[in-house]
Amino acid sequence: MLASSTETLPEPDEAAKQHSLLLAQHIKAACNRADGWIRFPEFMNMALYQPGLGYYSSGLQKFGQKGDFITAPEVSALFGQCLAKQIAEILLNFQKSSDEKAVVLEFGAGSGALAVDILQELERLGSLPEQYLIIELSAELQHRQKQILKEKVPHLFARVQWLEQLPEDVSNAVVIANEVLDAMPVECFRVKDKNIESLMVGVENDELMARYTIADSKTVEKITSIKQRSEIEFSDDYCSEYNPAIKGWLSALECKIDKLVVLLIDYGYNEKEYYHADRVNGTLMCYYQHRAHDNFFWWPGLQDITAFVNFTDVAYSAVDLELDVSGYTTQAAFLLANGLSELHAEQVTDDVQQQIKLSQQIKTLTLPSEMGDRFKVMALVKNYEEPLQGFSMLDLRNRL
């Protein structure tokens, strides 16, 4: 966890506090129904996704300078344009090998900015899919996405369709998941006296609180598997987390779609880095108005709760489902391999302010100290044999 006192955080207004207190009552009720304690993933799921009250389900501003964090599509349209070049290559190869139409399927489309940038660039490249599908569980975010798409690409709006679950009739798909895995609820664990313990959330004196209890066999098996395959030894009092939902999410995609390329973009590490001996408090963190801290009970529903992605675990889950890991690289290498420099050269003008702005955007997307190395890109494929240009500059699969 990232240590930062909540005392330095801006004070939410009274309406926001009342909103949070309402969500807290729902969480406490869930604890009471479960004889006092619920697992941490259930708490995190409610804090983020409780209908109308959870962080992603409410009307709070989340993205951009006025929100709590900035994602790559908010930094620059160049991100989506590079991604579109990779998508165009995949769509062309689908077209060569199948009579079935291919779709682009974006999970958790955030502000809608990425969909706009991808559609505009695919149109410029002459590679528009017949359908651009968005799976978005938040009605409030769906509304925002529809607004921006109607405003920015009204002539393409008819191609976009919002879904609440995977479609039944898609044969070929490029799946985009930008900062999706990090928003999935995680299981938190601790090693104590050589035992594995799980973090639980409960209520005492009408206050939410957390404690560790002896883990169930499923959690013990998972941690044992991680230790064996990556030769990791956890010290006493070592705390971290894992994502129990990844395999089920990938399985749903693999079952429904015949030809598939999944592009995952997220901040994360390989397994040895994720469970490094020095990372004794894990990667779980909370964001509120661009400030990071580690108190997940601070005004539930008003802050993001997130954890880094263990890309080695994603790869193992994929291989277990007979998906192939087609590439793994840094965001910087992926964007550069997909023509970032060329796009920059095409867009730069004599306007000095515009030059500075574009330069700053590229630095944010690619510098190791910014998003360049911290964010990784992984491609998982099914019935797709062609190499992907985004991994032609640097492929780090051997480090998984």
Protein backbone atom coordinates (compact mmCIF):
# COMPACT_ATOMS: atom_id res chain seq x y z
CA MET A 1 0.00 0.00 0.00
CA LEU A 2 1.13 3.55 -0.67
CA ALA A 3 1.55 5.37 2.62
CA SER A 4 -0.08 8.78 2.64
CA SER A 5 -2.17 10.19 5.45
CA THR A 6 -5.85 10.86 4.80
CA GLU A 7 -5.41 14.01 6.89
CA THR A 8 -3.91 15.70 3.82
CA LEU A 9 -6.88 14.81 1.58
CA PRO A 10 -9.42 17.49 0.58
CA GLU A 11 -12.60 17.32 2.64
CA PRO A 12 -15.61 15.99 0.68
CA ASP A 13 -18.72 18.16 0.72
CA GLU A 14 -21.73 17.23 2.85
CA ALA A 15 -23.73 15.74 -0.04
CA ALA A 16 -20.80 13.47 -0.92
CA LYS A 17 -20.44 12.42 2.71
CA GLN A 18 -24.13 11.52 2.92
CA HIS A 19 -23.74 9.49 -0.27
CA SER A 20 -20.80 7.64 1.29
CA LEU A 21 -22.65 7.01 4.56
CA LEU A 22 -25.50 5.42 2.60
CA LEU A 23 -23.07 3.05 0.87
CA ALA A 24 -21.42 2.27 4.22
CA GLN A 25 -24.84 1.21 5.56
CA HIS A 26 -25.18 -1.24 2.65
CA ILE A 27 -21.73 -2.65 3.38
CA LYS A 28 -22.51 -2.99 7.09
CA ALA A 29 -25.79 -4.74 6.24
CA ALA A 30 -23.87 -7.22 4.06
CA CYS A 31 -21.51 -7.89 6.97
CA ASN A 32 -24.41 -8.48 9.34
CA ARG A 33 -26.05 -10.90 6.89
CA ALA A 34 -22.76 -12.83 6.78
CA ASP A 35 -22.55 -13.23 10.56
CA GLY A 36 -20.36 -10.16 10.94
CA TRP A 37 -17.62 -10.50 8.31
CA ILE A 38 -17.31 -10.44 4.52
CA ARG A 39 -14.28 -11.14 2.35
CA PHE A 40 -12.32 -8.13 1.14
CA PRO A 41 -13.27 -8.67 -2.56
CA GLU A 42 -16.95 -8.35 -1.61
CA PHE A 43 -16.24 -5.08 0.21
CA MET A 44 -14.18 -3.76 -2.73
CA ASN A 45 -16.90 -4.79 -5.19
CA MET A 46 -19.53 -2.86 -3.22
CA ALA A 47 -17.24 0.15 -2.74
CA LEU A 48 -16.66 0.36 -6.49
CA TYR A 49 -19.78 -1.08 -8.14
CA GLN A 50 -22.78 -0.99 -5.78
CA PRO A 51 -25.60 0.27 -8.08
CA GLY A 52 -26.04 4.02 -7.72
CA LEU A 53 -23.63 4.26 -4.80
CA GLY A 54 -20.30 2.61 -5.68
CA TYR A 55 -17.42 4.69 -6.97
CA TYR A 56 -17.87 3.65 -10.61
CA SER A 57 -21.68 3.56 -10.42
CA SER A 58 -22.28 7.06 -9.10
CA GLY A 59 -22.21 10.44 -10.81
CA LEU A 60 -18.83 11.55 -9.42
CA GLN A 61 -16.23 12.99 -11.80
CA LYS A 62 -13.54 10.30 -12.04
CA PHE A 63 -11.32 11.04 -15.03
CA GLY A 64 -9.15 14.01 -15.93
CA GLN A 65 -7.86 17.00 -13.99
CA LYS A 66 -11.14 17.48 -12.10
CA GLY A 67 -11.41 13.79 -11.21
CA ASP A 68 -9.26 11.44 -9.19
CA PHE A 69 -6.83 10.13 -11.80
CA ILE A 70 -5.84 10.55 -15.43
CA THR A 71 -5.76 7.66 -17.90
CA ALA A 72 -3.75 7.58 -21.13
CA PRO A 73 -6.73 8.52 -23.37
CA GLU A 74 -7.15 11.70 -21.28
CA VAL A 75 -3.44 12.49 -21.69
CA SER A 76 -3.46 12.43 -25.49
CA ALA A 77 -5.41 11.26 -28.54
CA LEU A 78 -2.08 9.79 -29.72
CA PHE A 79 -2.63 6.84 -27.37
CA GLY A 80 -5.89 5.80 -29.05
CA GLN A 81 -4.49 6.52 -32.51
CA CYS A 82 -1.57 4.12 -31.95
CA LEU A 83 -3.92 1.52 -30.53
CA ALA A 84 -6.13 1.94 -33.62
CA LYS A 85 -3.17 1.14 -35.88
CA GLN A 86 -2.76 -2.18 -34.05
CA ILE A 87 -6.50 -2.84 -34.24
CA ALA A 88 -6.52 -2.08 -37.98
CA GLU A 89 -3.79 -4.68 -38.57
CA ILE A 90 -5.80 -7.30 -36.65
CA LEU A 91 -9.07 -6.47 -38.42
CA LEU A 92 -7.33 -6.82 -41.80
CA ASN A 93 -5.98 -10.25 -40.87
CA PHE A 94 -9.41 -11.33 -39.64
CA GLN A 95 -10.85 -10.22 -42.96
CA LYS A 96 -8.28 -12.27 -44.89
CA SER A 97 -9.00 -15.46 -42.99
CA SER A 98 -12.74 -15.35 -42.34
CA ASP A 99 -16.01 -14.41 -43.97
CA GLU A 100 -17.42 -13.43 -40.58
CA LYS A 101 -17.40 -9.73 -39.72
CA ALA A 102 -15.10 -8.68 -36.88
CA VAL A 103 -16.06 -6.30 -34.10
CA VAL A 104 -14.11 -4.15 -31.69
CA LEU A 105 -15.20 -4.74 -28.09
CA GLU A 106 -14.09 -2.29 -25.40
CA PHE A 107 -14.50 -3.10 -21.73
CA GLY A 108 -15.07 -0.26 -19.27
CA ALA A 109 -14.82 2.64 -21.72
CA GLY A 110 -14.30 5.29 -19.03
CA SER A 111 -14.99 8.80 -20.30
CA GLY A 112 -15.47 7.55 -23.88
CA ALA A 113 -12.36 9.41 -25.08
CA LEU A 114 -10.57 6.23 -26.14
CA ALA A 115 -13.53 5.05 -28.25
CA VAL A 116 -13.61 8.43 -30.00
CA ASP A 117 -9.89 8.37 -30.79
CA ILE A 118 -9.94 4.76 -32.00
CA LEU A 119 -12.97 5.27 -34.24
CA GLN A 120 -11.56 8.47 -35.76
CA GLU A 121 -8.23 6.83 -36.55
CA LEU A 122 -9.81 3.62 -37.89
CA GLU A 123 -11.93 5.79 -40.18
CA ARG A 124 -8.81 7.64 -41.37
CA LEU A 125 -7.13 4.28 -42.02
CA GLY A 126 -10.18 2.93 -43.89
CA SER A 127 -10.54 0.13 -41.32
CA LEU A 128 -13.81 0.86 -39.52
CA PRO A 129 -15.54 -2.20 -38.06
CA GLU A 130 -19.27 -2.54 -38.62
CA GLN A 131 -19.75 -2.57 -34.86
CA TYR A 132 -17.89 -1.02 -31.95
CA LEU A 133 -19.26 -2.66 -28.82
CA ILE A 134 -18.83 -1.23 -25.32
CA ILE A 135 -19.44 -3.27 -22.18
CA GLU A 136 -20.12 -0.74 -19.45
CA LEU A 137 -21.90 -1.63 -16.22
CA SER A 138 -22.21 1.96 -15.01
CA ALA A 139 -25.33 3.72 -16.33
CA GLU A 140 -23.76 7.07 -15.46
CA LEU A 141 -20.59 6.31 -17.46
CA GLN A 142 -22.68 4.96 -20.34
CA HIS A 143 -24.47 8.31 -20.44
CA ARG A 144 -21.17 10.24 -20.52
CA GLN A 145 -19.78 7.97 -23.24
CA LYS A 146 -22.87 8.47 -25.41
CA GLN A 147 -22.60 12.23 -25.00
CA ILE A 148 -18.97 12.45 -26.09
CA LEU A 149 -19.42 10.04 -29.00
CA LYS A 150 -22.47 11.96 -30.27
CA GLU A 151 -20.50 15.18 -29.97
CA LYS A 152 -17.18 14.04 -31.48
CA VAL A 153 -18.17 11.36 -34.03
CA PRO A 154 -21.92 11.77 -34.70
CA HIS A 155 -21.61 10.11 -38.13
CA LEU A 156 -20.15 6.97 -36.51
CA PHE A 157 -22.49 6.82 -33.52
CA ALA A 158 -24.76 4.22 -35.15
CA ARG A 159 -21.86 1.75 -35.18
CA VAL A 160 -21.53 1.90 -31.39
CA GLN A 161 -23.60 -0.37 -29.18
CA TRP A 162 -23.63 -0.60 -25.38
CA LEU A 163 -23.97 -3.99 -23.70
CA GLU A 164 -24.12 -5.20 -20.12
CA GLN A 165 -22.73 -8.64 -20.91
CA LEU A 166 -20.83 -10.44 -23.64
CA PRO A 167 -22.71 -10.79 -26.94
CA GLU A 168 -23.79 -14.25 -28.08
CA ASP A 169 -23.33 -13.76 -31.81
CA VAL A 170 -19.74 -12.50 -32.25
CA SER A 171 -17.28 -14.78 -34.06
CA ASN A 172 -14.25 -12.49 -34.48
CA ALA A 173 -13.32 -9.76 -32.02
CA VAL A 174 -10.55 -7.41 -30.97
CA VAL A 175 -11.04 -6.82 -27.25
CA ILE A 176 -9.66 -3.65 -25.65
CA ALA A 177 -9.24 -3.52 -21.88
CA ASN A 178 -7.47 -0.31 -20.86
CA GLU A 179 -7.13 -0.11 -17.06
CA VAL A 180 -9.81 -2.75 -16.53
CA LEU A 181 -7.95 -5.48 -14.64
CA ASP A 182 -6.69 -3.05 -11.98
CA ALA A 183 -10.31 -2.19 -11.11
CA MET A 184 -11.30 -5.81 -10.38
CA PRO A 185 -11.76 -6.69 -6.69
CA VAL A 186 -8.73 -8.42 -5.20
CA GLU A 187 -8.18 -10.94 -2.43
CA CYS A 188 -5.78 -9.56 0.19
CA PHE A 189 -3.60 -11.99 2.11
CA ARG A 190 -0.95 -12.00 4.82
CA VAL A 191 1.72 -14.54 5.72
CA LYS A 192 1.79 -15.02 9.50
CA ASP A 193 3.81 -17.71 11.30
CA LYS A 194 4.00 -19.61 7.99
CA ASN A 195 0.20 -19.58 7.67
CA ILE A 196 -1.77 -17.80 4.95
CA GLU A 197 -4.43 -15.39 6.22
CA SER A 198 -7.18 -13.56 4.32
CA LEU A 199 -8.34 -10.01 4.95
CA MET A 200 -11.96 -9.73 6.10
CA VAL A 201 -14.17 -6.69 6.56
CA GLY A 202 -16.65 -6.42 9.43
CA VAL A 203 -18.45 -4.06 11.79
CA GLU A 204 -17.63 -3.25 15.40
CA ASN A 205 -19.35 -0.43 17.32
CA ASP A 206 -21.06 0.54 14.05
CA GLU A 207 -17.67 1.18 12.38
CA LEU A 208 -16.20 -0.74 9.47
CA MET A 209 -13.01 -2.54 10.39
CA ALA A 210 -10.64 -5.11 8.90
CA ARG A 211 -8.92 -8.17 10.31
CA TYR A 212 -7.06 -11.21 9.05
CA THR A 213 -8.35 -14.76 9.53
CA ILE A 214 -6.97 -18.14 8.48
CA ALA A 215 -7.40 -18.44 4.70
CA ASP A 216 -9.60 -21.04 3.06
CA SER A 217 -8.13 -23.87 0.96
CA LYS A 218 -8.69 -21.99 -2.32
CA THR A 219 -6.56 -19.05 -1.20
CA VAL A 220 -3.87 -21.32 0.25
CA GLU A 221 -3.70 -23.27 -3.04
CA LYS A 222 -3.35 -20.02 -5.01
CA ILE A 223 -0.52 -18.65 -2.87
CA THR A 224 1.24 -22.05 -2.86
CA SER A 225 1.02 -22.13 -6.66
CA ILE A 226 2.50 -18.63 -6.94
CA LYS A 227 5.36 -19.55 -4.59
CA GLN A 228 6.21 -22.72 -6.50
CA ARG A 229 6.04 -21.46 -10.08
CA SER A 230 7.98 -18.23 -9.45
CA GLU A 231 10.24 -19.52 -6.65
CA ILE A 232 9.03 -16.91 -4.18
CA GLU A 233 9.45 -17.01 -0.43
CA PHE A 234 7.27 -14.68 1.62
CA SER A 235 8.67 -13.26 4.85
CA ASP A 236 6.57 -13.22 8.02
CA ASP A 237 4.00 -10.38 8.03
CA TYR A 238 4.25 -10.04 4.23
CA CYS A 239 0.99 -8.59 2.89
CA SER A 240 -0.15 -8.54 -0.71
CA GLU A 241 -3.05 -9.45 -2.95
CA TYR A 242 -4.11 -11.41 -6.02
CA ASN A 243 -6.96 -11.08 -8.48
CA PRO A 244 -9.35 -14.06 -8.22
CA ALA A 245 -11.52 -12.92 -11.14
CA ILE A 246 -9.07 -12.88 -14.06
CA LYS A 247 -9.46 -16.52 -15.11
CA GLY A 248 -13.26 -16.34 -15.08
CA TRP A 249 -13.20 -13.13 -17.13
CA LEU A 250 -10.87 -14.64 -19.73
CA SER A 251 -12.85 -17.87 -19.77
CA ALA A 252 -16.04 -16.01 -20.68
CA LEU A 253 -14.26 -14.40 -23.64
CA GLU A 254 -12.67 -17.66 -24.77
CA CYS A 255 -16.00 -19.53 -24.63
CA LYS A 256 -18.01 -16.97 -26.59
CA ILE A 257 -15.65 -15.87 -29.38
CA ASP A 258 -14.06 -18.07 -32.08
CA LYS A 259 -11.25 -15.78 -33.21
CA LEU A 260 -9.99 -13.44 -30.58
CA VAL A 261 -7.26 -10.90 -29.83
CA VAL A 262 -7.34 -9.35 -26.35
CA LEU A 263 -5.22 -6.24 -25.79
CA LEU A 264 -4.67 -5.55 -22.08
CA ILE A 265 -3.16 -2.20 -21.07
CA ASP A 266 -2.55 -1.66 -17.38
CA TYR A 267 -0.02 -0.82 -14.71
CA GLY A 268 1.62 -3.93 -13.36
CA TYR A 269 4.59 -6.25 -13.00
CA ASN A 270 5.65 -9.78 -13.66
CA GLU A 271 5.19 -12.08 -10.68
CA LYS A 272 8.71 -11.86 -9.25
CA GLU A 273 8.50 -8.06 -9.31
CA TYR A 274 4.94 -8.05 -7.96
CA TYR A 275 5.89 -10.12 -4.91
CA HIS A 276 9.35 -8.60 -4.46
CA ALA A 277 10.71 -9.02 -0.95
CA ASP A 278 10.70 -5.24 -0.43
CA ARG A 279 7.04 -4.84 -1.46
CA VAL A 280 5.86 -6.01 1.95
CA ASN A 281 2.53 -4.11 1.89
CA GLY A 282 1.37 -5.13 -1.58
CA THR A 283 0.14 -2.76 -4.28
CA LEU A 284 -3.38 -1.90 -3.13
CA MET A 285 -3.97 1.87 -3.12
CA CYS A 286 -6.75 4.44 -3.07
CA TYR A 287 -7.07 7.59 -5.18
CA TYR A 288 -8.95 10.76 -4.35
CA GLN A 289 -8.43 13.94 -6.38
CA HIS A 290 -5.02 12.77 -7.63
CA ARG A 291 -3.78 11.91 -4.15
CA ALA A 292 -2.84 8.34 -3.30
CA HIS A 293 -3.23 6.81 0.14
CA ASP A 294 -3.84 3.41 1.75
CA ASN A 295 -7.05 3.77 3.81
CA PHE A 296 -9.72 1.86 1.88
CA PHE A 297 -12.35 2.70 4.55
CA TRP A 298 -12.01 6.48 3.95
CA TRP A 299 -15.44 7.64 2.72
CA PRO A 300 -16.39 4.49 0.71
CA GLY A 301 -17.77 5.26 -2.74
CA LEU A 302 -15.93 8.59 -3.03
CA GLN A 303 -12.50 7.18 -3.90
CA ASP A 304 -11.03 4.66 -6.31
CA ILE A 305 -9.55 1.45 -4.88
CA THR A 306 -7.12 -0.31 -7.14
CA ALA A 307 -4.26 -2.82 -7.31
CA PHE A 308 -1.47 -3.39 -9.80
CA VAL A 309 -1.78 -6.30 -12.25
CA ASN A 310 0.28 -9.48 -11.92
CA PHE A 311 0.84 -10.14 -15.64
CA THR A 312 2.46 -13.52 -14.99
CA ASP A 313 -0.78 -14.66 -13.36
CA VAL A 314 -2.75 -13.33 -16.35
CA ALA A 315 -0.48 -15.34 -18.67
CA TYR A 316 -0.87 -18.56 -16.65
CA SER A 317 -4.65 -18.10 -16.55
CA ALA A 318 -4.71 -17.58 -20.34
CA VAL A 319 -2.56 -20.63 -21.09
CA ASP A 320 -4.77 -22.78 -18.82
CA LEU A 321 -7.67 -21.76 -21.08
CA GLU A 322 -5.63 -22.57 -24.23
CA LEU A 323 -5.23 -18.93 -25.17
CA ASP A 324 -1.81 -17.94 -26.49
CA VAL A 325 0.23 -15.07 -25.07
CA SER A 326 1.19 -13.29 -28.29
CA GLY A 327 3.13 -10.40 -26.78
CA TYR A 328 4.06 -8.52 -23.62
CA THR A 329 5.83 -5.18 -23.59
CA THR A 330 5.96 -1.71 -22.08
CA GLN A 331 3.43 0.94 -23.09
CA ALA A 332 6.26 3.05 -24.51
CA ALA A 333 7.53 0.25 -26.78
CA PHE A 334 3.99 -0.63 -27.89
CA LEU A 335 3.13 2.95 -28.86
CA LEU A 336 6.42 3.53 -30.66
CA ALA A 337 6.05 0.26 -32.58
CA ASN A 338 2.60 1.41 -33.66
CA GLY A 339 3.82 4.65 -35.18
CA LEU A 340 3.84 7.18 -32.34
CA SER A 341 6.78 9.10 -33.82
CA GLU A 342 5.18 9.19 -37.26
CA LEU A 343 1.85 10.38 -35.85
CA HIS A 344 3.67 13.11 -33.95
CA ALA A 345 5.49 14.22 -37.11
CA GLU A 346 2.20 14.36 -39.03
CA GLN A 347 0.48 16.48 -36.39
CA VAL A 348 3.18 18.93 -35.37
CA THR A 349 2.76 22.50 -36.68
CA ASP A 350 4.68 25.77 -36.50
CA ASP A 351 2.67 26.72 -33.42
CA VAL A 352 5.20 26.61 -30.57
CA GLN A 353 2.52 26.07 -27.92
CA GLN A 354 1.15 23.11 -29.88
CA GLN A 355 4.68 21.66 -30.22
CA ILE A 356 5.22 21.94 -26.47
CA LYS A 357 1.82 20.37 -25.74
CA LEU A 358 2.43 17.40 -28.08
CA SER A 359 5.93 16.91 -26.68
CA GLN A 360 4.62 16.88 -23.11
CA GLN A 361 1.91 14.38 -24.04
CA ILE A 362 4.46 12.02 -25.58
CA LYS A 363 6.71 12.32 -22.53
CA THR A 364 3.82 11.39 -20.22
CA LEU A 365 2.91 8.38 -22.37
CA THR A 366 6.44 7.06 -22.87
CA LEU A 367 8.95 8.19 -20.23
CA PRO A 368 9.93 5.45 -17.73
CA SER A 369 9.24 7.87 -14.86
CA GLU A 370 5.72 8.50 -16.20
CA MET A 371 3.49 5.89 -17.92
CA GLY A 372 6.09 4.43 -20.28
CA ASP A 373 7.41 1.52 -18.21
CA ARG A 374 4.90 1.34 -15.37
CA PHE A 375 2.15 0.48 -17.84
CA LYS A 376 2.41 -2.78 -19.78
CA VAL A 377 0.59 -4.15 -22.81
CA MET A 378 -0.23 -7.84 -23.18
CA ALA A 379 -1.88 -9.60 -26.13
CA LEU A 380 -3.81 -12.84 -25.66
CA VAL A 381 -5.04 -14.61 -28.79
CA LYS A 382 -7.24 -17.48 -29.90
CA ASN A 383 -7.08 -18.81 -33.49
CA TYR A 384 -4.91 -15.87 -34.53
CA GLU A 385 -1.43 -16.70 -35.84
CA GLU A 386 -0.10 -13.39 -37.19
CA PRO A 387 2.59 -11.43 -35.29
CA LEU A 388 1.38 -8.16 -33.79
CA GLN A 389 3.29 -5.02 -34.77
CA GLY A 390 2.97 -3.51 -31.30
CA PHE A 391 5.46 -6.06 -29.93
CA SER A 392 7.97 -5.86 -32.79
CA MET A 393 10.23 -3.37 -30.99
CA LEU A 394 10.40 -5.08 -27.59
CA ASP A 395 8.86 -8.37 -26.43
CA LEU A 396 9.22 -9.21 -22.74
CA ARG A 397 7.41 -12.56 -22.65
CA ASN A 398 10.62 -14.24 -21.50
CA ARG A 399 10.38 -12.21 -18.27
CA LEU A 400 6.94 -13.55 -17.36
